[in-house]
Protein backbone atom coordinates (compact mmCIF):
# COMPACT_ATOMS: atom_id res chain seq x y z
CA UNK A 1 230.66 48.16 107.08
CA UNK A 2 233.59 46.36 108.55
CA UNK A 3 234.04 42.18 108.02
CA UNK A 4 232.20 41.33 111.84
CA UNK A 5 229.10 43.34 110.20
CA UNK A 6 229.28 41.51 107.19
CA UNK A 7 229.47 38.28 109.04
CA UNK A 8 226.76 39.26 111.40
CA UNK A 9 224.32 40.64 108.40
CA UNK A 10 225.20 36.93 106.63
CA UNK A 11 224.67 35.23 110.18
CA UNK A 12 221.00 36.97 110.24
CA UNK A 13 220.04 36.33 106.75
CA UNK A 14 221.82 32.89 105.91
CA UNK A 15 224.24 33.76 103.17
CA UNK A 16 226.48 36.69 102.46
CA UNK A 17 225.33 38.96 99.09
CA UNK A 18 227.19 39.42 96.08
CA UNK A 19 227.11 41.57 93.30
CA UNK A 20 226.71 39.13 90.61
CA UNK A 21 223.89 38.34 88.09
CA UNK A 22 222.43 35.30 86.35
CA UNK A 23 220.53 34.90 83.24
CA UNK A 24 217.21 32.92 82.79
CA UNK A 25 219.59 30.18 80.82
CA UNK A 26 221.43 29.84 83.80
CA UNK A 27 219.22 29.63 86.71
CA UNK A 28 216.73 27.62 84.53
CA UNK A 29 213.99 27.67 86.99
CA UNK A 30 210.31 29.16 85.49
CA UNK A 31 209.44 31.34 88.55
CA UNK A 32 212.96 32.79 88.43
CA UNK A 33 212.82 33.10 84.38
CA UNK A 34 209.20 35.35 85.17
CA UNK A 35 210.74 37.61 87.69
CA UNK A 36 213.85 37.97 85.13
CA UNK A 37 211.39 38.40 82.30
CA UNK A 38 210.16 41.73 84.24
CA UNK A 39 212.94 43.44 84.21
CA UNK A 40 214.19 45.04 80.96
CA UNK A 41 217.66 46.13 81.83
CA UNK A 42 220.48 44.21 79.92
CA UNK A 43 223.51 43.02 81.59
CA UNK A 44 226.41 40.43 81.59
CA UNK A 45 225.65 37.17 83.18
CA UNK A 46 228.29 36.45 85.60
CA UNK A 47 228.13 33.11 84.74
CA UNK A 48 227.86 32.11 80.52
CA UNK A 49 229.10 35.71 80.16
CA UNK A 50 226.35 36.54 77.41
CA UNK A 51 224.20 39.65 77.42
CA UNK A 52 220.56 39.39 78.70
CA UNK A 53 218.24 40.32 81.38
CA UNK A 54 219.58 39.14 84.72
CA UNK A 55 218.52 39.02 88.38
CA UNK A 56 220.42 39.75 91.32
CA UNK A 57 221.79 36.10 92.97
CA UNK A 58 221.21 37.81 96.16
CA UNK A 59 216.99 37.06 95.14
CA UNK A 60 217.74 33.92 94.39
CA UNK A 61 219.77 33.22 97.65
CA UNK A 62 216.88 35.30 99.41
CA UNK A 63 213.99 33.30 98.23
CA UNK A 64 215.82 30.22 98.91
CA UNK A 65 216.63 30.82 102.61
CA UNK A 66 212.64 32.16 102.48
CA UNK A 67 211.92 28.50 101.56
CA UNK A 68 214.56 26.50 104.03
CA UNK A 69 212.74 29.01 106.77
CA UNK A 70 209.82 27.79 106.28
CA UNK A 71 210.37 23.99 106.41
CA UNK A 72 212.87 24.56 108.87
CA UNK A 73 213.87 25.63 112.21
CA UNK A 74 217.79 26.21 113.07
CA UNK A 75 218.78 23.49 115.01
CA UNK A 76 220.67 25.36 118.01
CA UNK A 77 217.01 27.26 118.86
CA UNK A 78 214.27 24.45 118.46
CA UNK A 79 215.77 20.79 118.33
CA UNK A 80 215.81 18.92 121.63
CA UNK A 81 219.34 17.84 122.74
CA UNK A 82 220.33 15.38 125.27
CA UNK A 83 223.83 14.37 126.36
CA UNK A 84 225.04 17.01 123.71
CA UNK A 85 223.51 15.70 121.00
CA UNK A 86 220.32 16.62 118.67
CA UNK A 87 217.71 14.25 118.82
CA UNK A 88 216.30 14.44 115.60
CA UNK A 89 218.13 14.36 112.46
CA UNK A 90 219.84 17.56 111.28
CA UNK A 91 221.55 18.42 108.15
CA UNK A 92 223.45 21.64 107.22
CA UNK A 93 222.77 24.12 105.15
CA UNK A 94 225.12 22.71 101.98
CA UNK A 95 222.85 19.57 102.07
CA UNK A 96 220.20 21.42 101.93
CA UNK A 97 221.25 23.39 99.07
CA UNK A 98 222.02 19.77 97.46
CA UNK A 99 218.67 18.31 98.23
CA UNK A 100 216.55 21.44 96.57
CA UNK A 101 218.50 24.43 94.77
CA UNK A 102 217.55 23.35 91.62
CA UNK A 103 219.22 25.73 89.06
CA UNK A 104 220.57 24.84 85.44
CA UNK A 105 224.32 25.33 85.30
CA UNK A 106 226.80 23.89 87.69
CA UNK A 107 229.03 27.23 88.33
CA UNK A 108 225.64 28.94 89.22
CA UNK A 109 224.83 26.55 91.93
CA UNK A 110 228.48 26.14 93.09
CA UNK A 111 228.60 29.79 93.62
CA UNK A 112 225.00 29.81 95.15
CA UNK A 113 226.01 27.16 97.49
CA UNK A 114 229.57 28.84 98.40
CA UNK A 115 227.26 32.11 99.60
CA UNK A 116 225.44 30.36 102.33
CA UNK A 117 226.66 30.16 105.69
CA UNK A 118 227.93 27.35 106.16
CA UNK A 119 227.57 26.95 110.23
CA UNK A 120 224.13 26.87 110.22
CA UNK A 121 222.71 23.06 111.17
CA UNK A 122 219.22 22.69 110.48
CA UNK A 123 216.06 20.67 111.52
CA UNK A 124 212.55 19.89 110.08
CA UNK A 125 209.87 22.32 112.03
CA UNK A 126 208.54 20.67 114.51
CA UNK A 127 204.50 19.95 114.17
CA UNK A 128 202.26 21.61 115.92
CA UNK A 129 199.32 19.63 116.78
CA UNK A 130 196.88 21.99 117.29
CA UNK A 131 195.27 24.83 115.63
CA UNK A 132 198.10 24.83 113.13
CA UNK A 133 199.77 22.15 111.44
CA UNK A 134 202.92 22.92 109.87
CA UNK A 135 204.19 20.13 107.42
CA UNK A 136 207.74 19.60 106.28
CA UNK A 137 207.96 18.99 102.29
CA UNK A 138 208.49 15.35 102.65
CA UNK A 139 206.11 14.56 105.76
CA UNK A 140 202.63 14.50 104.37
CA UNK A 141 202.63 11.11 102.62
CA UNK A 142 204.95 9.14 104.73
CA UNK A 143 203.30 10.16 107.77
CA UNK A 144 199.23 9.51 105.79
CA UNK A 145 200.92 6.17 104.74
CA UNK A 146 202.50 5.25 107.96
CA UNK A 147 199.37 5.71 109.97
CA UNK A 148 197.46 3.91 107.51
CA UNK A 149 199.75 0.70 107.44
CA UNK A 150 200.96 0.19 110.62
CA UNK A 151 198.40 2.34 112.72
CA UNK A 152 194.72 2.49 111.80
CA UNK A 153 192.63 1.04 109.08
CA UNK A 154 189.06 1.76 109.48
CA UNK A 155 188.75 4.34 112.13
CA UNK A 156 190.20 7.67 111.56
CA UNK A 157 187.74 10.33 111.14
CA UNK A 158 188.11 13.00 113.96
CA UNK A 159 186.18 13.36 117.00
CA UNK A 160 184.16 16.50 117.96
CA UNK A 161 186.66 16.94 120.73
CA UNK A 162 189.77 16.56 119.03
CA UNK A 163 191.40 15.20 121.42
CA UNK A 164 191.90 11.67 121.28
CA UNK A 165 194.63 11.62 119.13
CA UNK A 166 197.79 13.49 119.27
CA UNK A 167 198.97 13.46 115.53
CA UNK A 168 197.20 14.74 112.43
CA UNK A 169 194.93 11.54 111.19
CA UNK A 170 194.45 10.86 107.90
CA UNK A 171 191.33 12.64 107.68
CA UNK A 172 192.84 15.74 108.36
CA UNK A 173 196.15 15.50 105.70
CA UNK A 174 193.17 14.50 103.10
CA UNK A 175 190.84 17.36 103.59
CA UNK A 176 194.28 19.78 103.96
CA UNK A 177 194.94 18.36 100.41
CA UNK A 178 191.74 18.35 99.06
CA UNK A 179 191.54 22.34 99.73
CA UNK A 180 194.23 22.78 96.86
CA UNK A 181 193.05 20.19 93.85
CA UNK A 182 191.81 23.18 92.28
CA UNK A 183 194.43 25.91 93.05
CA UNK A 184 196.64 23.31 90.82
CA UNK A 185 194.09 23.00 88.18
CA UNK A 186 193.76 19.08 89.09
CA UNK A 187 190.03 19.23 88.09
CA UNK A 188 189.33 18.25 84.33
CA UNK A 189 186.14 17.61 82.63
CA UNK A 190 186.23 14.22 80.13
CA UNK A 191 183.55 14.90 77.38
CA UNK A 192 180.76 12.61 76.27
CA UNK A 193 182.11 9.95 73.32
CA UNK A 194 185.91 9.89 75.13
CA UNK A 195 187.59 6.69 73.72
CA UNK A 196 189.43 4.80 76.31
CA UNK A 197 190.84 1.16 76.10
CA UNK A 198 191.01 -1.65 78.44
CA UNK A 199 192.47 -5.31 77.35
CA UNK A 200 192.15 -8.90 79.18
CA UNK A 201 194.86 -11.33 78.53
CA UNK A 202 193.79 -14.33 76.13
CA UNK A 203 190.48 -14.66 73.91
CA UNK A 204 188.75 -17.76 74.60
CA UNK A 205 185.83 -16.03 76.78
CA UNK A 206 182.74 -13.83 75.73
CA UNK A 207 183.63 -10.90 74.08
CA UNK A 208 180.85 -9.09 75.75
CA UNK A 209 180.71 -6.04 78.24
CA UNK A 210 180.51 -8.14 81.18
CA UNK A 211 183.81 -10.33 80.41
CA UNK A 212 185.39 -6.86 79.09
CA UNK A 213 184.22 -4.62 81.85
CA UNK A 214 185.23 -4.10 85.58
CA UNK A 215 185.18 -6.98 87.05
CA UNK A 216 182.10 -8.39 89.45
CA UNK A 217 182.55 -6.93 93.27
CA UNK A 218 182.41 -10.69 94.52
CA UNK A 219 185.68 -11.33 92.61
CA UNK A 220 187.71 -7.89 92.21
CA UNK A 221 191.15 -8.28 93.44
CA UNK A 222 193.46 -6.14 95.77
CA UNK A 223 194.25 -3.42 92.93
CA UNK A 224 195.81 0.22 92.96
CA UNK A 225 193.23 2.08 94.14
CA UNK A 226 190.55 -0.39 95.13
CA UNK A 227 190.46 -3.33 97.42
CA UNK A 228 189.34 -6.82 97.12
CA UNK A 229 185.64 -6.76 97.03
CA UNK A 230 185.32 -3.08 95.35
CA UNK A 231 185.57 -3.24 91.76
CA UNK A 232 186.70 -0.06 89.36
CA UNK A 233 186.84 0.54 85.77
CA UNK A 234 190.62 0.79 85.07
CA UNK A 235 191.69 1.52 80.81
CA UNK A 236 194.10 3.74 79.32
CA UNK A 237 193.58 6.63 77.12
CA UNK A 238 195.38 4.68 74.15
CA UNK A 239 195.82 1.06 72.46
CA UNK A 240 199.53 1.54 73.06
CA UNK A 241 199.45 2.86 76.69
CA UNK A 242 196.83 -0.18 77.32
CA UNK A 243 198.70 -2.69 75.81
CA UNK A 244 202.33 -1.41 77.90
CA UNK A 245 200.49 -1.76 81.08
CA UNK A 246 199.41 -5.53 80.47
CA UNK A 247 202.53 -7.28 78.53
CA UNK A 248 204.42 -8.89 80.75
CA UNK A 249 201.72 -11.12 81.65
CA UNK A 250 200.47 -12.95 78.55
CA UNK A 251 201.16 -12.91 74.55
CA UNK A 252 197.25 -12.67 73.28
CA UNK A 253 195.24 -9.74 74.37
CA UNK A 254 191.50 -8.63 73.87
CA UNK A 255 191.25 -5.32 74.04
CA UNK A 256 187.90 -3.39 73.99
CA UNK A 257 187.47 0.04 72.78
CA UNK A 258 184.99 2.23 75.23
CA UNK A 259 183.70 5.35 74.76
CA UNK A 260 182.46 7.42 78.00
CA UNK A 261 178.57 8.00 78.34
CA UNK A 262 178.25 11.11 79.65
CA UNK A 263 180.44 14.36 80.84
CA UNK A 264 182.81 13.55 83.53
CA UNK A 265 184.60 14.85 86.40
CA UNK A 266 188.09 13.40 87.17
CA UNK A 267 191.18 14.23 89.37
CA UNK A 268 193.72 14.36 87.02
CA UNK A 269 197.69 13.98 87.71
CA UNK A 270 198.74 13.41 84.32
CA UNK A 271 200.20 16.64 84.45
CA UNK A 272 202.93 15.31 86.86
CA UNK A 273 206.63 14.38 84.77
CA UNK A 274 207.50 10.63 85.30
CA UNK A 275 211.47 10.28 86.08
CA UNK A 276 212.55 7.10 86.91
CA UNK A 277 209.06 6.62 88.70
CA UNK A 278 209.94 10.12 90.38
CA UNK A 279 207.18 12.64 89.95
CA UNK A 280 207.60 16.29 89.38
CA UNK A 281 205.01 19.03 88.54
CA UNK A 282 207.12 21.57 86.99
CA UNK A 283 204.47 24.42 88.41
CA UNK A 284 205.58 24.93 91.92
CA UNK A 285 209.48 26.62 92.52
CA UNK A 286 210.60 26.79 95.99
CA UNK A 287 211.55 30.15 95.02
CA UNK A 288 208.10 31.39 94.71
CA UNK A 289 207.84 32.37 98.36
CA UNK A 290 204.01 33.22 98.22
CA UNK A 291 202.98 29.98 97.64
CA UNK A 292 205.13 27.55 99.55
CA UNK A 293 202.67 26.21 101.86
CA UNK A 294 201.71 24.60 98.11
CA UNK A 295 204.56 22.05 97.99
CA UNK A 296 203.93 19.73 100.67
CA UNK A 297 200.07 18.68 98.64
CA UNK A 298 202.26 18.86 95.51
CA UNK A 299 204.79 16.54 97.12
CA UNK A 300 202.22 14.42 98.70
CA UNK A 301 200.49 13.74 94.71
CA UNK A 302 203.89 13.18 93.34
CA UNK A 303 204.48 10.33 96.45
CA UNK A 304 201.14 8.93 95.79
CA UNK A 305 201.71 8.61 92.12
CA UNK A 306 205.01 6.61 93.02
CA UNK A 307 203.44 4.35 95.40
CA UNK A 308 200.46 3.81 92.55
CA UNK A 309 202.97 2.48 90.20
CA UNK A 310 205.08 0.98 92.47
CA UNK A 311 205.03 -2.87 91.65
CA UNK A 312 204.12 -5.23 94.51
CA UNK A 313 203.82 -8.99 94.52
CA UNK A 314 199.96 -9.72 94.47
CA UNK A 315 201.09 -13.65 95.64
CA UNK A 316 202.30 -12.41 98.70
CA UNK A 317 199.40 -12.02 101.00
CA UNK A 318 202.50 -10.07 103.52
CA UNK A 319 202.26 -7.26 101.16
CA UNK A 320 198.96 -6.55 100.27
CA UNK A 321 198.80 -3.79 102.80
CA UNK A 322 200.76 -1.54 100.75
CA UNK A 323 198.19 -0.69 98.51
CA UNK A 324 195.64 0.51 101.91
CA UNK A 325 196.89 4.22 101.21
CA UNK A 326 196.56 4.83 97.71
CA UNK A 327 192.62 2.85 98.28
CA UNK A 328 192.10 5.37 101.13
CA UNK A 329 192.91 8.53 98.56
CA UNK A 330 190.83 7.32 95.33
CA UNK A 331 187.97 6.32 98.08
CA UNK A 332 188.54 10.01 99.97
CA UNK A 333 187.87 11.89 96.12
CA UNK A 334 184.73 9.29 95.41
CA UNK A 335 182.87 9.55 97.99
CA UNK A 336 184.07 12.65 100.34
CA UNK A 337 185.46 15.31 97.88
CA UNK A 338 183.12 17.85 96.12
CA UNK A 339 185.02 20.66 93.76
CA UNK A 340 183.70 24.13 95.02
CA UNK A 341 180.87 23.99 92.70
CA UNK A 342 179.79 21.13 94.57
CA UNK A 343 180.09 18.34 92.34
CA UNK A 344 181.30 15.17 92.54
CA UNK A 345 184.61 13.14 90.82
CA UNK A 346 183.86 10.17 88.57
CA UNK A 347 187.53 9.04 88.79
CA UNK A 348 191.32 9.64 88.51
CA UNK A 349 194.24 9.94 85.82
CA UNK A 350 197.35 9.45 86.16
CA UNK A 351 200.70 9.72 83.73
CA UNK A 352 202.03 5.60 82.56
CA UNK A 353 204.72 4.68 84.05
CA UNK A 354 205.09 1.83 81.14
CA UNK A 355 204.40 4.26 78.75
CA UNK A 356 205.49 7.71 79.00
CA UNK A 357 203.03 10.44 77.83
CA UNK A 358 200.48 7.91 78.10
CA UNK A 359 197.43 8.69 80.69
CA UNK A 360 195.71 5.92 82.24
CA UNK A 361 192.22 6.11 83.84
CA UNK A 362 190.13 4.64 86.86
CA UNK A 363 186.43 5.09 87.08
CA UNK A 364 184.72 4.70 90.19
CA UNK A 365 182.41 2.04 88.84
CA UNK A 366 181.97 -1.17 88.97
CA UNK A 367 180.46 -4.12 86.09
CA UNK A 368 176.82 -2.06 86.39
CA UNK A 369 178.87 0.99 85.50
CA UNK A 370 179.55 -0.74 82.05
CA UNK A 371 175.98 -1.91 81.24
CA UNK A 372 172.71 -0.49 80.18
CA UNK A 373 170.72 1.46 81.23
CA UNK A 374 172.00 4.52 80.24
CA UNK A 375 171.49 6.32 83.12
CA UNK A 376 173.30 4.53 85.24
CA UNK A 377 176.42 3.64 82.53
CA UNK A 378 179.52 5.16 82.86
CA UNK A 379 181.10 3.55 79.88
CA UNK A 380 180.00 1.21 77.13
CA UNK A 381 181.84 -1.31 74.40
CA UNK A 382 182.28 0.23 70.81
CA UNK A 383 184.51 -2.32 69.09
CA UNK A 384 186.54 -5.11 70.37
CA UNK A 385 189.88 -6.85 68.69
CA UNK A 386 192.60 -9.54 69.51
CA UNK A 387 196.08 -8.59 69.43
CA UNK A 388 198.93 -11.53 69.38
């Protein structure tokens, strides 16, 4: 095969082929490691020089280009042009590699990057708002949040003829992500008797369930997952996490240990790993070509968690709308979502940004859910202590 033929092949597939191989330690990706483990042949890794099970770099490059082509188009083929300039943001393949090609060893990354065809420029796929919606990796939460903050707040359900809005509505996005909740094993059962901890600043108030539980509806403030006037029970999985979530304001706290009154199902997002408020779910890889459609769902919840843990000045009334998107998600999972077996959720579990490894719980109940009778009670107060 001549050089011109090699170039044409590279143009069509997006990379130049190589005879080099990489081991799992150099690749570092869990999905690539699974592929390598299926290969019984031992070879020398071209990047660390150790003998081990390996994979062809062509396989890594092929799967990377499948990822790019799933979410991006060649700009020359699909991006609108005016006066010789692209009208949408574009990236060359090196920039996309910097953004997405996550391998462990730098020398492997640089080699893979050099194998890519540099003269290709890409743009995000144009969304088709007809029968099929194709989401870019970053689009879903950004668009969902923008519409709820700046376009529509209360009426965003789709009407019967689907014609009154030319973009996917928050409704469409919520139902799209909800279809994949069980794929990610996000539904978790919390058994009766599970301890949860909730703190209140100060000590000069009655030590009662009314005083230490969820606020009455008429004084419930704007919060991460509940608007003013709708009370929810915010708590933590352990004493340390509970205190870390409130320590900034006061020196004395009253902490109540609560226990769940019955088995409950939660949307459990605590498996996300937090790195400087950037949330990452390790079990979906860009190299897993069969599940690329799950990446936007994973990213939606990662961005949701970042916004949940974003610090907002509650005294600045002009910024209160920043909580709206996370409040809408919580309300959807409280009132609309059902599991595949038709069961409702009782709350959401999410990782603490104040205490890495700790978990926070929001239970879908107000003050009445903290008080008898037990048939309507979600949690009951077990012990109280004061912490200075």
